[in-house]
C-alpha atoms as a PDB file:
ATOM      1  CA  UNK A   1       0.190  -0.034   0.028  1.00  0.00           C
ATOM      2  CA  UNK A   2       0.814   3.465  -1.140  1.00  0.00           C
ATOM      3  CA  UNK A   3       2.285   5.452   2.385  1.00  0.00           C
ATOM      4  CA  UNK A   4      -0.114   8.941   2.103  1.00  0.00           C
ATOM      5  CA  UNK A   5       2.451  11.886   3.020  1.00  0.00           C
ATOM      6  CA  UNK A   6       2.556  12.542   6.742  1.00  0.00           C
ATOM      7  CA  UNK A   7       2.447  16.158   8.052  1.00  0.00           C
ATOM      8  CA  UNK A   8       5.290  17.102  10.476  1.00  0.00           C
ATOM      9  CA  UNK A   9       3.804  15.737  13.767  1.00  0.00           C
ATOM     10  CA  UNK A  10       1.769  12.668  13.469  1.00  0.00           C
ATOM     11  CA  UNK A  11       2.224   9.151  14.981  1.00  0.00           C
ATOM     12  CA  UNK A  12       1.703   8.500  18.562  1.00  0.00           C
ATOM     13  CA  UNK A  13       2.380  11.511  21.069  1.00  0.00           C
ATOM     14  CA  UNK A  14       1.680  10.752  24.459  1.00  0.00           C
ATOM     15  CA  UNK A  15       0.910  13.441  27.019  1.00  0.00           C
ATOM     16  CA  UNK A  16       3.447  12.692  29.503  1.00  0.00           C
ATOM     17  CA  UNK A  17       2.247  12.330  33.143  1.00  0.00           C
ATOM     18  CA  UNK A  18       4.082  14.258  35.624  1.00  0.00           C
ATOM     19  CA  UNK A  19       5.540  12.060  38.418  1.00  0.00           C
ATOM     20  CA  UNK A  20       6.370  13.074  42.210  1.00  0.00           C
ATOM     21  CA  UNK A  21       8.094  12.030  44.995  1.00  0.00           C
ATOM     22  CA  UNK A  22       6.932  10.730  48.240  1.00  0.00           C
ATOM     23  CA  UNK A  23       6.634  14.174  49.668  1.00  0.00           C
ATOM     24  CA  UNK A  24       5.012  15.482  46.577  1.00  0.00           C
ATOM     25  CA  UNK A  25       7.563  17.445  44.709  1.00  0.00           C
ATOM     26  CA  UNK A  26       8.661  16.922  40.924  1.00  0.00           C
ATOM     27  CA  UNK A  27      10.527  13.499  40.207  1.00  0.00           C
ATOM     28  CA  UNK A  28      12.615  14.567  37.921  1.00  0.00           C
ATOM     29  CA  UNK A  29      14.592  11.731  38.108  1.00  0.00           C
ATOM     30  CA  UNK A  30      11.207   9.555  37.162  1.00  0.00           C
ATOM     31  CA  UNK A  31      10.595  11.812  34.826  1.00  0.00           C
ATOM     32  CA  UNK A  32      13.943  11.396  32.700  1.00  0.00           C
ATOM     33  CA  UNK A  33      12.904   7.467  33.128  1.00  0.00           C
ATOM     34  CA  UNK A  34       9.521   7.680  31.606  1.00  0.00           C
ATOM     35  CA  UNK A  35      11.064   9.842  29.029  1.00  0.00           C
ATOM     36  CA  UNK A  36      13.225   7.273  27.959  1.00  0.00           C
ATOM     37  CA  UNK A  37      10.863   4.726  27.936  1.00  0.00           C
ATOM     38  CA  UNK A  38       8.247   6.624  25.860  1.00  0.00           C
ATOM     39  CA  UNK A  39      11.183   7.218  23.032  1.00  0.00           C
ATOM     40  CA  UNK A  40      12.214   3.594  23.306  1.00  0.00           C
ATOM     41  CA  UNK A  41       8.628   2.552  22.522  1.00  0.00           C
ATOM     42  CA  UNK A  42       8.865   4.297  19.501  1.00  0.00           C
ATOM     43  CA  UNK A  43       6.791   7.636  20.206  1.00  0.00           C
ATOM     44  CA  UNK A  44       6.809  10.092  17.304  1.00  0.00           C
ATOM     45  CA  UNK A  45       6.504  13.161  19.750  1.00  0.00           C
ATOM     46  CA  UNK A  46       5.717  14.184  23.110  1.00  0.00           C
ATOM     47  CA  UNK A  47       2.722  16.105  24.392  1.00  0.00           C
ATOM     48  CA  UNK A  48       4.617  17.936  27.012  1.00  0.00           C
ATOM     49  CA  UNK A  49       2.152  19.467  30.085  1.00  0.00           C
ATOM     50  CA  UNK A  50      -1.164  18.271  29.128  1.00  0.00           C
ATOM     51  CA  UNK A  51      -4.156  17.196  30.829  1.00  0.00           C
ATOM     52  CA  UNK A  52      -2.646  13.918  31.406  1.00  0.00           C
ATOM     53  CA  UNK A  53       0.630  15.843  32.843  1.00  0.00           C
ATOM     54  CA  UNK A  54      -1.674  17.285  35.840  1.00  0.00           C
ATOM     55  CA  UNK A  55      -0.785  20.925  33.854  1.00  0.00           C
ATOM     56  CA  UNK A  56      -3.272  22.343  36.183  1.00  0.00           C
ATOM     57  CA  UNK A  57      -1.853  21.860  39.140  1.00  0.00           C
ATOM     58  CA  UNK A  58       1.729  22.570  38.619  1.00  0.00           C
ATOM     59  CA  UNK A  59       2.777  25.785  39.570  1.00  0.00           C
ATOM     60  CA  UNK A  60       5.045  27.838  36.925  1.00  0.00           C
ATOM     61  CA  UNK A  61       7.955  26.334  38.195  1.00  0.00           C
ATOM     62  CA  UNK A  62       6.949  22.751  38.296  1.00  0.00           C
ATOM     63  CA  UNK A  63       6.088  23.898  34.150  1.00  0.00           C
ATOM     64  CA  UNK A  64       9.373  25.108  33.937  1.00  0.00           C
ATOM     65  CA  UNK A  65      11.043  21.830  35.716  1.00  0.00           C
ATOM     66  CA  UNK A  66       8.664  19.419  33.487  1.00  0.00           C
ATOM     67  CA  UNK A  67       9.842  21.020  30.069  1.00  0.00           C
ATOM     68  CA  UNK A  68      13.393  21.328  30.882  1.00  0.00           C
ATOM     69  CA  UNK A  69      13.513  17.876  31.953  1.00  0.00           C
ATOM     70  CA  UNK A  70      11.729  16.367  28.995  1.00  0.00           C
ATOM     71  CA  UNK A  71      13.908  18.877  26.585  1.00  0.00           C
ATOM     72  CA  UNK A  72      17.083  17.583  28.254  1.00  0.00           C
ATOM     73  CA  UNK A  73      16.474  13.754  27.854  1.00  0.00           C
ATOM     74  CA  UNK A  74      14.825  14.260  23.984  1.00  0.00           C
ATOM     75  CA  UNK A  75      17.780  16.070  23.138  1.00  0.00           C
ATOM     76  CA  UNK A  76      15.591  16.544  19.654  1.00  0.00           C
ATOM     77  CA  UNK A  77      15.374  12.859  18.801  1.00  0.00           C
ATOM     78  CA  UNK A  78      11.171  13.800  18.571  1.00  0.00           C
ATOM     79  CA  UNK A  79       9.121  16.809  18.441  1.00  0.00           C
ATOM     80  CA  UNK A  80       7.991  18.262  21.814  1.00  0.00           C
ATOM     81  CA  UNK A  81       4.657  19.501  21.714  1.00  0.00           C
ATOM     82  CA  UNK A  82       4.091  21.579  24.666  1.00  0.00           C
ATOM     83  CA  UNK A  83       0.192  22.890  26.214  1.00  0.00           C
ATOM     84  CA  UNK A  84       0.141  26.749  27.295  1.00  0.00           C
ATOM     85  CA  UNK A  85      -2.994  26.316  29.458  1.00  0.00           C
ATOM     86  CA  UNK A  86      -3.859  29.652  30.543  1.00  0.00           C
ATOM     87  CA  UNK A  87      -7.521  31.668  31.232  1.00  0.00           C
ATOM     88  CA  UNK A  88      -6.918  34.155  28.589  1.00  0.00           C
ATOM     89  CA  UNK A  89      -4.512  35.168  25.464  1.00  0.00           C
ATOM     90  CA  UNK A  90      -2.331  37.621  27.125  1.00  0.00           C
ATOM     91  CA  UNK A  91      -1.764  34.703  29.301  1.00  0.00           C
ATOM     92  CA  UNK A  92      -1.470  31.889  26.641  1.00  0.00           C
ATOM     93  CA  UNK A  93       0.798  34.297  25.091  1.00  0.00           C
ATOM     94  CA  UNK A  94       3.098  34.918  28.117  1.00  0.00           C
ATOM     95  CA  UNK A  95       2.937  30.870  29.354  1.00  0.00           C
ATOM     96  CA  UNK A  96       3.516  29.956  25.416  1.00  0.00           C
ATOM     97  CA  UNK A  97       6.865  31.957  24.988  1.00  0.00           C
ATOM     98  CA  UNK A  98       8.311  30.808  28.104  1.00  0.00           C
ATOM     99  CA  UNK A  99       7.528  27.616  26.951  1.00  0.00           C
ATOM    100  CA  UNK A 100       9.447  27.777  23.719  1.00  0.00           C
ATOM    101  CA  UNK A 101      12.401  29.209  25.040  1.00  0.00           C
ATOM    102  CA  UNK A 102      12.811  25.680  27.055  1.00  0.00           C
ATOM    103  CA  UNK A 103      12.524  23.668  24.408  1.00  0.00           C
ATOM    104  CA  UNK A 104       8.902  23.567  22.287  1.00  0.00           C
ATOM    105  CA  UNK A 105       8.503  22.793  18.925  1.00  0.00           C
ATOM    106  CA  UNK A 106       5.142  23.301  19.117  1.00  0.00           C
ATOM    107  CA  UNK A 107       2.188  25.037  21.282  1.00  0.00           C
ATOM    108  CA  UNK A 108      -1.134  23.565  21.752  1.00  0.00           C
ATOM    109  CA  UNK A 109      -3.996  25.126  23.365  1.00  0.00           C
ATOM    110  CA  UNK A 110      -7.807  26.095  23.842  1.00  0.00           C
ATOM    111  CA  UNK A 111     -10.253  28.369  23.831  1.00  0.00           C
ATOM    112  CA  UNK A 112     -10.320  30.745  26.252  1.00  0.00           C
ATOM    113  CA  UNK A 113     -11.498  29.450  29.740  1.00  0.00           C
ATOM    114  CA  UNK A 114     -13.062  30.974  32.648  1.00  0.00           C
ATOM    115  CA  UNK A 115     -13.487  34.034  30.460  1.00  0.00           C
ATOM    116  CA  UNK A 116     -16.479  33.808  29.149  1.00  0.00           C
ATOM    117  CA  UNK A 117     -16.506  34.470  25.412  1.00  0.00           C
ATOM    118  CA  UNK A 118     -17.760  33.820  21.788  1.00  0.00           C
ATOM    119  CA  UNK A 119     -17.183  32.363  18.460  1.00  0.00           C
ATOM    120  CA  UNK A 120     -15.806  36.172  17.246  1.00  0.00           C
ATOM    121  CA  UNK A 121     -13.246  36.156  20.552  1.00  0.00           C
ATOM    122  CA  UNK A 122     -12.123  32.165  20.006  1.00  0.00           C
ATOM    123  CA  UNK A 123     -11.031  33.013  16.557  1.00  0.00           C
ATOM    124  CA  UNK A 124      -9.314  36.462  17.672  1.00  0.00           C
ATOM    125  CA  UNK A 125      -7.320  34.435  20.150  1.00  0.00           C
ATOM    126  CA  UNK A 126      -6.050  31.827  17.793  1.00  0.00           C
ATOM    127  CA  UNK A 127      -4.972  34.499  15.315  1.00  0.00           C
ATOM    128  CA  UNK A 128      -3.459  36.150  18.518  1.00  0.00           C
ATOM    129  CA  UNK A 129      -1.694  33.603  19.177  1.00  0.00           C
ATOM    130  CA  UNK A 130      -0.531  32.265  15.725  1.00  0.00           C
ATOM    131  CA  UNK A 131       0.911  35.958  15.307  1.00  0.00           C
ATOM    132  CA  UNK A 132       2.695  35.525  18.935  1.00  0.00           C
ATOM    133  CA  UNK A 133       4.643  32.359  18.387  1.00  0.00           C
ATOM    134  CA  UNK A 134       7.339  31.482  15.864  1.00  0.00           C
ATOM    135  CA  UNK A 135       6.394  27.334  16.209  1.00  0.00           C
ATOM    136  CA  UNK A 136       3.630  25.870  14.776  1.00  0.00           C
ATOM    137  CA  UNK A 137       0.050  26.385  16.993  1.00  0.00           C
ATOM    138  CA  UNK A 138      -2.485  23.049  17.502  1.00  0.00           C
ATOM    139  CA  UNK A 139      -5.881  24.072  18.683  1.00  0.00           C
ATOM    140  CA  UNK A 140      -6.997  21.333  21.597  1.00  0.00           C
ATOM    141  CA  UNK A 141     -10.620  20.667  21.372  1.00  0.00           C
ATOM    142  CA  UNK A 142     -11.634  19.582  25.314  1.00  0.00           C
ATOM    143  CA  UNK A 143     -14.833  20.914  25.841  1.00  0.00           C
ATOM    144  CA  UNK A 144     -14.956  18.637  29.064  1.00  0.00           C
ATOM    145  CA  UNK A 145     -12.282  21.017  30.970  1.00  0.00           C
ATOM    146  CA  UNK A 146     -13.234  24.111  28.789  1.00  0.00           C
ATOM    147  CA  UNK A 147     -17.319  23.986  28.611  1.00  0.00           C
ATOM    148  CA  UNK A 148     -16.450  25.123  25.056  1.00  0.00           C
ATOM    149  CA  UNK A 149     -16.843  22.966  21.611  1.00  0.00           C
ATOM    150  CA  UNK A 150     -14.832  24.540  19.136  1.00  0.00           C
ATOM    151  CA  UNK A 151     -16.866  25.129  16.201  1.00  0.00           C
ATOM    152  CA  UNK A 152     -15.985  23.055  12.670  1.00  0.00           C
ATOM    153  CA  UNK A 153     -16.109  26.363  10.842  1.00  0.00           C
ATOM    154  CA  UNK A 154     -13.932  27.897  12.776  1.00  0.00           C
ATOM    155  CA  UNK A 155     -11.692  25.078  12.707  1.00  0.00           C
ATOM    156  CA  UNK A 156     -11.549  24.986   8.802  1.00  0.00           C
ATOM    157  CA  UNK A 157     -11.139  28.460   8.577  1.00  0.00           C
ATOM    158  CA  UNK A 158      -7.994  28.664  10.928  1.00  0.00           C
ATOM    159  CA  UNK A 159      -6.543  25.539   8.806  1.00  0.00           C
ATOM    160  CA  UNK A 160      -7.272  27.227   5.795  1.00  0.00           C
ATOM    161  CA  UNK A 161      -6.026  30.530   7.131  1.00  0.00           C
ATOM    162  CA  UNK A 162      -2.342  28.668   8.110  1.00  0.00           C
ATOM    163  CA  UNK A 163      -3.183  29.731  11.726  1.00  0.00           C
ATOM    164  CA  UNK A 164      -3.773  26.322  12.692  1.00  0.00           C
ATOM    165  CA  UNK A 165      -1.298  23.334  12.100  1.00  0.00           C
ATOM    166  CA  UNK A 166      -3.832  20.891  13.245  1.00  0.00           C
ATOM    167  CA  UNK A 167      -6.220  19.777  16.142  1.00  0.00           C
ATOM    168  CA  UNK A 168      -5.895  17.808  18.930  1.00  0.00           C
ATOM    169  CA  UNK A 169      -9.495  16.497  19.212  1.00  0.00           C
ATOM    170  CA  UNK A 170     -10.678  15.207  22.730  1.00  0.00           C
ATOM    171  CA  UNK A 171     -14.182  16.351  22.219  1.00  0.00           C
ATOM    172  CA  UNK A 172     -15.654  12.759  22.037  1.00  0.00           C
ATOM    173  CA  UNK A 173     -18.070  14.284  18.966  1.00  0.00           C
ATOM    174  CA  UNK A 174     -16.959  11.351  16.350  1.00  0.00           C
ATOM    175  CA  UNK A 175     -19.190  13.550  14.115  1.00  0.00           C
ATOM    176  CA  UNK A 176     -17.553  16.514  14.327  1.00  0.00           C
ATOM    177  CA  UNK A 177     -13.935  14.800  14.173  1.00  0.00           C
ATOM    178  CA  UNK A 178     -14.793  13.078  10.995  1.00  0.00           C
ATOM    179  CA  UNK A 179     -16.069  16.265   9.202  1.00  0.00           C
ATOM    180  CA  UNK A 180     -12.697  18.084  10.589  1.00  0.00           C
ATOM    181  CA  UNK A 181     -10.709  15.345   8.950  1.00  0.00           C
ATOM    182  CA  UNK A 182     -13.027  16.028   5.676  1.00  0.00           C
ATOM    183  CA  UNK A 183     -13.063  19.528   5.557  1.00  0.00           C
ATOM    184  CA  UNK A 184      -9.486  19.602   5.823  1.00  0.00           C
ATOM    185  CA  UNK A 185      -8.123  16.650   3.823  1.00  0.00           C
ATOM    186  CA  UNK A 186      -6.865  18.684   1.202  1.00  0.00           C
ATOM    187  CA  UNK A 187      -4.150  20.464   3.772  1.00  0.00           C
ATOM    188  CA  UNK A 188      -1.430  18.102   3.420  1.00  0.00           C
ATOM    189  CA  UNK A 189       0.866  20.123   6.510  1.00  0.00           C
ATOM    190  CA  UNK A 190      -2.957  19.649   8.776  1.00  0.00           C
ATOM    191  CA  UNK A 191      -2.473  17.341  11.422  1.00  0.00           C
ATOM    192  CA  UNK A 192      -5.894  16.433  13.188  1.00  0.00           C
ATOM    193  CA  UNK A 193      -5.319  14.430  16.398  1.00  0.00           C
ATOM    194  CA  UNK A 194      -7.372  11.840  18.544  1.00  0.00           C
ATOM    195  CA  UNK A 195      -7.488  12.027  22.191  1.00  0.00           C
ATOM    196  CA  UNK A 196      -9.193   9.099  22.674  1.00  0.00           C
ATOM    197  CA  UNK A 197      -7.184   5.690  23.651  1.00  0.00           C
ATOM    198  CA  UNK A 198      -9.791   3.041  22.431  1.00  0.00           C
ATOM    199  CA  UNK A 199     -11.004   4.127  19.049  1.00  0.00           C
ATOM    200  CA  UNK A 200      -7.775   4.699  17.404  1.00  0.00           C
ATOM    201  CA  UNK A 201      -7.723   2.014  14.478  1.00  0.00           C
ATOM    202  CA  UNK A 202     -11.326   3.698  13.383  1.00  0.00           C
ATOM    203  CA  UNK A 203      -9.711   7.358  13.889  1.00  0.00           C
ATOM    204  CA  UNK A 204      -6.497   6.184  11.459  1.00  0.00           C
ATOM    205  CA  UNK A 205      -9.073   4.621   9.402  1.00  0.00           C
ATOM    206  CA  UNK A 206     -10.733   8.149   8.853  1.00  0.00           C
ATOM    207  CA  UNK A 207      -7.915  10.029   8.074  1.00  0.00           C
ATOM    208  CA  UNK A 208      -6.449  10.767  11.164  1.00  0.00           C
ATOM    209  CA  UNK A 209      -2.859  11.522  11.533  1.00  0.00           C
ATOM    210  CA  UNK A 210      -2.151  10.103  14.890  1.00  0.00           C
ATOM    211  CA  UNK A 211      -3.335  10.021  18.794  1.00  0.00           C
ATOM    212  CA  UNK A 212      -2.406  11.894  21.694  1.00  0.00           C
ATOM    213  CA  UNK A 213      -3.201   8.841  24.228  1.00  0.00           C
ATOM    214  CA  UNK A 214      -2.858   9.005  28.007  1.00  0.00           C
ATOM    215  CA  UNK A 215      -2.603   5.432  28.169  1.00  0.00           C
ATOM    216  CA  UNK A 216       0.232   5.759  25.521  1.00  0.00           C
ATOM    217  CA  UNK A 217       2.546   6.405  28.678  1.00  0.00           C
ATOM    218  CA  UNK A 218       1.959   2.967  30.351  1.00  0.00           C
ATOM    219  CA  UNK A 219       2.171   1.031  26.799  1.00  0.00           C
ATOM    220  CA  UNK A 220       4.100   3.363  23.953  1.00  0.00           C
ATOM    221  CA  UNK A 221       5.060   0.502  22.134  1.00  0.00           C
ATOM    222  CA  UNK A 222       1.357  -0.405  22.224  1.00  0.00           C
ATOM    223  CA  UNK A 223       0.053   2.378  19.855  1.00  0.00           C
ATOM    224  CA  UNK A 224       3.453   2.878  17.798  1.00  0.00           C
ATOM    225  CA  UNK A 225       2.472  -1.214  16.737  1.00  0.00           C
ATOM    226  CA  UNK A 226      -1.086   0.325  16.123  1.00  0.00           C
ATOM    227  CA  UNK A 227       0.077   3.039  14.199  1.00  0.00           C
ATOM    228  CA  UNK A 228       2.607   1.063  12.193  1.00  0.00           C
ATOM    229  CA  UNK A 229       0.207  -1.634  11.431  1.00  0.00           C
ATOM    230  CA  UNK A 230      -2.931   1.247   9.943  1.00  0.00           C
ATOM    231  CA  UNK A 231       0.443   3.114   7.718  1.00  0.00           C
ATOM    232  CA  UNK A 232       0.727  -0.552   6.619  1.00  0.00           C
ATOM    233  CA  UNK A 233      -2.825  -0.828   5.198  1.00  0.00           C
ATOM    234  CA  UNK A 234      -3.061  -4.041   8.108  1.00  0.00           C
ATOM    235  CA  UNK A 235      -6.497  -2.909   9.894  1.00  0.00           C
ATOM    236  CA  UNK A 236      -7.340  -6.438  10.648  1.00  0.00           C
ATOM    237  CA  UNK A 237      -4.416  -6.170  12.392  1.00  0.00           C
ATOM    238  CA  UNK A 238      -4.470  -2.633  13.974  1.00  0.00           C
ATOM    239  CA  UNK A 239      -8.258  -3.524  15.514  1.00  0.00           C
ATOM    240  CA  UNK A 240      -6.473  -7.055  17.190  1.00  0.00           C
ATOM    241  CA  UNK A 241      -3.927  -4.114  18.938  1.00  0.00           C
ATOM    242  CA  UNK A 242      -6.832  -1.721  19.878  1.00  0.00           C
ATOM    243  CA  UNK A 243      -8.747  -4.436  21.252  1.00  0.00           C
ATOM    244  CA  UNK A 244      -5.633  -5.662  23.215  1.00  0.00           C
ATOM    245  CA  UNK A 245      -5.368  -1.743  24.254  1.00  0.00           C
ATOM    246  CA  UNK A 246      -9.257  -1.375  25.222  1.00  0.00           C
ATOM    247  CA  UNK A 247      -8.778  -4.241  27.690  1.00  0.00           C
ATOM    248  CA  UNK A 248      -6.019  -2.701  28.915  1.00  0.00           C
ATOM    249  CA  UNK A 249      -7.623   0.577  29.308  1.00  0.00           C
ATOM    250  CA  UNK A 250     -10.016  -0.855  31.916  1.00  0.00           C
ATOM    251  CA  UNK A 251      -7.010   0.474  34.393  1.00  0.00           C
ATOM    252  CA  UNK A 252      -8.890   3.061  34.684  1.00  0.00           C
ATOM    253  CA  UNK A 253     -11.887   1.583  36.372  1.00  0.00           C
ATOM    254  CA  UNK A 254      -9.937   0.252  38.609  1.00  0.00           C
ATOM    255  CA  UNK A 255     -10.137   2.990  41.299  1.00  0.00           C
ATOM    256  CA  UNK A 256     -13.351   2.824  43.530  1.00  0.00           C
ATOM    257  CA  UNK A 257     -16.290   4.495  42.524  1.00  0.00           C
ATOM    258  CA  UNK A 258     -16.228   7.647  44.438  1.00  0.00           C
ATOM    259  CA  UNK A 259     -13.473   7.145  46.615  1.00  0.00           C
ATOM    260  CA  UNK A 260     -11.008   9.612  44.489  1.00  0.00           C
ATOM    261  CA  UNK A 261     -12.260  12.447  41.690  1.00  0.00           C
ATOM    262  CA  UNK A 262     -12.441  11.644  37.833  1.00  0.00           C
ATOM    263  CA  UNK A 263      -9.275  12.890  37.250  1.00  0.00           C
ATOM    264  CA  UNK A 264      -7.702  11.167  39.968  1.00  0.00           C
ATOM    265  CA  UNK A 265      -9.096   8.262  39.024  1.00  0.00           C
ATOM    266  CA  UNK A 266      -7.864   8.081  35.465  1.00  0.00           C
ATOM    267  CA  UNK A 267      -4.584   9.646  36.109  1.00  0.00           C
ATOM    268  CA  UNK A 268      -3.713   8.008  39.220  1.00  0.00           C
ATOM    269  CA  UNK A 269      -4.225   4.687  37.525  1.00  0.00           C
ATOM    270  CA  UNK A 270      -1.661   5.516  34.522  1.00  0.00           C
ATOM    271  CA  UNK A 271       0.457   6.256  37.327  1.00  0.00           C
ATOM    272  CA  UNK A 272       0.218   3.761  39.377  1.00  0.00           C
ATOM    273  CA  UNK A 273       0.442   1.271  36.053  1.00  0.00           C
ATOM    274  CA  UNK A 274       3.711   3.183  35.789  1.00  0.00           C
ATOM    275  CA  UNK A 275       5.074   2.835  39.359  1.00  0.00           C
ATOM    276  CA  UNK A 276       4.166  -1.007  39.243  1.00  0.00           C
ATOM    277  CA  UNK A 277       6.218  -1.479  35.344  1.00  0.00           C
ATOM    278  CA  UNK A 278       9.100   0.074  37.555  1.00  0.00           C
ATOM    279  CA  UNK A 279       9.322   3.539  35.211  1.00  0.00           C
ATOM    280  CA  UNK A 280       8.367   5.905  38.367  1.00  0.00           C
ATOM    281  CA  UNK A 281       8.620   5.592  41.937  1.00  0.00           C
ATOM    282  CA  UNK A 282       5.439   6.375  43.197  1.00  0.00           C
ATOM    283  CA  UNK A 283       1.655   6.986  41.966  1.00  0.00           C
ATOM    284  CA  UNK A 284       1.463  10.406  43.977  1.00  0.00           C
ATOM    285  CA  UNK A 285      -0.994  13.098  42.533  1.00  0.00           C
ATOM    286  CA  UNK A 286      -0.455  16.661  42.565  1.00  0.00           C
ATOM    287  CA  UNK A 287      -2.550  18.252  45.863  1.00  0.00           C
ATOM    288  CA  UNK A 288      -5.677  17.883  46.277  1.00  0.00           C
ATOM    289  CA  UNK A 289      -6.112  14.750  44.642  1.00  0.00           C
ATOM    290  CA  UNK A 290      -5.811  11.848  46.340  1.00  0.00           C
ATOM    291  CA  UNK A 291      -3.468   8.402  44.979  1.00  0.00           C
ATOM    292  CA  UNK A 292      -5.082   5.042  44.480  1.00  0.00           C
ATOM    293  CA  UNK A 293      -4.728   2.712  47.595  1.00  0.00           C
ATOM    294  CA  UNK A 294      -3.387  -0.861  47.466  1.00  0.00           C
ATOM    295  CA  UNK A 295      -6.962  -2.600  46.886  1.00  0.00           C
ATOM    296  CA  UNK A 296      -6.827  -0.636  43.745  1.00  0.00           C
ATOM    297  CA  UNK A 297      -3.174  -1.146  43.055  1.00  0.00           C
ATOM    298  CA  UNK A 298      -3.705  -4.299  43.105  1.00  0.00           C
ATOM    299  CA  UNK A 299      -6.861  -4.530  40.365  1.00  0.00           C
ATOM    300  CA  UNK A 300      -4.410  -3.088  37.861  1.00  0.00           C
ATOM    301  CA  UNK A 301      -1.651  -5.158  38.900  1.00  0.00           C
ATOM    302  CA  UNK A 302      -3.941  -7.800  37.548  1.00  0.00           C
ATOM    303  CA  UNK A 303      -5.091  -6.049  34.692  1.00  0.00           C
ATOM    304  CA  UNK A 304      -1.224  -5.269  33.940  1.00  0.00           C
ATOM    305  CA  UNK A 305      -0.556  -9.478  34.142  1.00  0.00           C
ATOM    306  CA  UNK A 306      -3.666 -10.078  31.611  1.00  0.00           C
ATOM    307  CA  UNK A 307      -2.618  -7.535  28.871  1.00  0.00           C
ATOM    308  CA  UNK A 308       1.329  -8.887  29.090  1.00  0.00           C
ATOM    309  CA  UNK A 309       2.848  -5.960  30.084  1.00  0.00           C
ATOM    310  CA  UNK A 310       3.582  -7.329  33.440  1.00  0.00           C
END
């Protein structure tokens, strides 16, 4: 099968989790080890300071430490996409410029949040970010966090005008996702990523350029193999690999319902799995989130064993 041309940003770009020490500090040794684990797993990029990295909980100093640590280990091996997560345009510009100075190869930003805005302001927001940064800009469509779904016509316009290099779609709206792929299919350098761990084979079959999977922290090689199978046109093999990863995704359901917050459950499952795999030292969460307990950890261990990782 002949391969379609790929944009610069493509493939498997995990949103790197942020390990903490037992006393709650950024665990740079574990973060270095995790970065190497992801690179050795065959990822094609790293999303620094994404939702799975607990970015809203990190202080400015912690964000800088995470960016510096990952950039140092990566040493230019794969592109680094950094999340400039702030409420309003001026704050995103300030955050993004600082992260670019620390090694970001691209910036991903949401629409404004906390601020009450509309489509016109959202367009102005992304145009201002594009003008302010000297690296590619990605839109992060994540209404569960921003309470605002980025409209398809706006994304298509910003893509055509060269404002956006791509979109990371975590909207959960499969119809809009497919429509975005169709609306931008003739733009060779525009990249559309799914943020959903368990429908990657379908997204790639529909023309997506890659995936930004939180679960990719735990099994980067599994996602790299899935992507390679899809690129080779072997969607039966890609589906088999996706089925296995869907089983591994059960770790996010291991936490006892109501014992921890939804955010602490999902991210805590990723951290707990990485701790059990020996990649990071602890499953400590950013305050005020609670870590998973011994029973939940045992349930995750059983899933890792069933999935062949342990």
